[in-house]
Amino acid sequence: MDMFSRINFLLGVGLLAAIGFYFAGNYLIVWPLSHVAPDWVKPIAGVAVLASLALTVQILSKVVTNMMGVASYTD
């Protein structure tokens, strides 16, 4: 794989993970919580955003460890 395809792959995986966490957090955490405890929505949403970013970074680090590196060196 060349460098452009590796960066493109990492960008795609990162965006898919972030979009997935956004919809999961929005419809599974924020929406039900806004009906039960509206005062808690903003702090819980902030924690959910931080947790989703941390999980996205962990997913990307697992993907990167399976690659040989972004730069390919020739002999």
Protein backbone atom coordinates (compact mmCIF):
# COMPACT_ATOMS: atom_id res chain seq x y z
CA MET A 1 0.00 0.00 0.00
CA ASP A 2 1.24 3.46 -0.69
CA MET A 3 1.10 6.33 1.76
CA PHE A 4 -2.00 7.97 0.25
CA SER A 5 -4.12 4.84 0.49
CA ARG A 6 -3.06 4.24 4.11
CA ILE A 7 -3.92 7.78 5.15
CA ASN A 8 -7.21 7.56 3.24
CA PHE A 9 -8.04 4.27 4.98
CA LEU A 10 -7.28 5.71 8.43
CA LEU A 11 -9.37 8.79 7.67
CA GLY A 12 -12.28 6.61 6.55
CA VAL A 13 -12.10 4.36 9.61
CA GLY A 14 -11.84 7.35 11.92
CA LEU A 15 -14.80 9.11 10.34
CA LEU A 16 -16.94 5.98 10.40
CA ALA A 17 -16.13 5.40 14.07
CA ALA A 18 -16.85 9.04 14.98
CA ILE A 19 -20.14 9.08 13.03
CA GLY A 20 -21.19 5.79 14.62
CA PHE A 21 -20.44 7.05 18.12
CA TYR A 22 -22.28 10.30 17.35
CA PHE A 23 -25.50 8.54 16.35
CA ALA A 24 -25.23 6.03 19.19
CA GLY A 25 -24.70 8.80 21.73
CA ASN A 26 -27.41 11.00 20.29
CA TYR A 27 -30.14 8.38 20.06
CA LEU A 28 -29.17 6.03 22.89
CA ILE A 29 -27.97 8.50 25.54
CA VAL A 30 -29.01 12.11 24.91
CA TRP A 31 -32.54 11.62 23.58
CA PRO A 32 -33.79 9.29 26.37
CA LEU A 33 -31.96 11.32 29.02
CA SER A 34 -33.57 14.54 27.83
CA HIS A 35 -36.98 13.09 28.68
CA VAL A 36 -35.96 11.72 32.08
CA ALA A 37 -33.51 14.30 33.42
CA PRO A 38 -33.19 17.39 31.19
CA ASP A 39 -30.74 19.12 33.54
CA TRP A 40 -28.22 16.30 33.17
CA VAL A 41 -28.13 16.26 29.36
CA LYS A 42 -25.26 18.72 28.84
CA PRO A 43 -22.80 17.17 31.34
CA ILE A 44 -23.57 13.62 30.22
CA ALA A 45 -23.29 14.64 26.55
CA GLY A 46 -19.87 16.15 27.27
CA VAL A 47 -18.70 12.96 28.94
CA ALA A 48 -20.10 10.92 26.04
CA VAL A 49 -18.20 13.06 23.52
CA LEU A 50 -14.93 12.62 25.42
CA ALA A 51 -15.49 8.87 25.73
CA SER A 52 -16.34 8.51 22.04
CA LEU A 53 -13.20 10.42 21.02
CA ALA A 54 -11.10 8.24 23.31
CA LEU A 55 -12.63 5.10 21.82
CA THR A 56 -12.07 6.42 18.29
CA VAL A 57 -8.39 6.97 19.08
CA GLN A 58 -8.14 3.46 20.53
CA ILE A 59 -9.77 1.96 17.42
CA LEU A 60 -7.41 3.90 15.15
CA SER A 61 -4.38 2.80 17.19
CA LYS A 62 -5.43 -0.84 16.80
CA VAL A 63 -5.81 -0.32 13.05
CA VAL A 64 -2.42 1.38 12.80
CA THR A 65 -0.63 -1.42 14.67
CA ASN A 66 -1.76 -3.87 11.98
CA MET A 67 -0.16 -1.73 9.28
CA MET A 68 3.56 -1.62 8.55
CA GLY A 69 3.60 2.16 8.97
CA VAL A 70 2.50 5.14 6.96
CA ALA A 71 5.82 5.55 5.16
CA SER A 72 7.13 2.65 3.14
CA TYR A 73 10.89 2.45 2.93
CA THR A 74 12.66 0.71 0.09
CA ASP A 75 16.09 -0.88 0.18
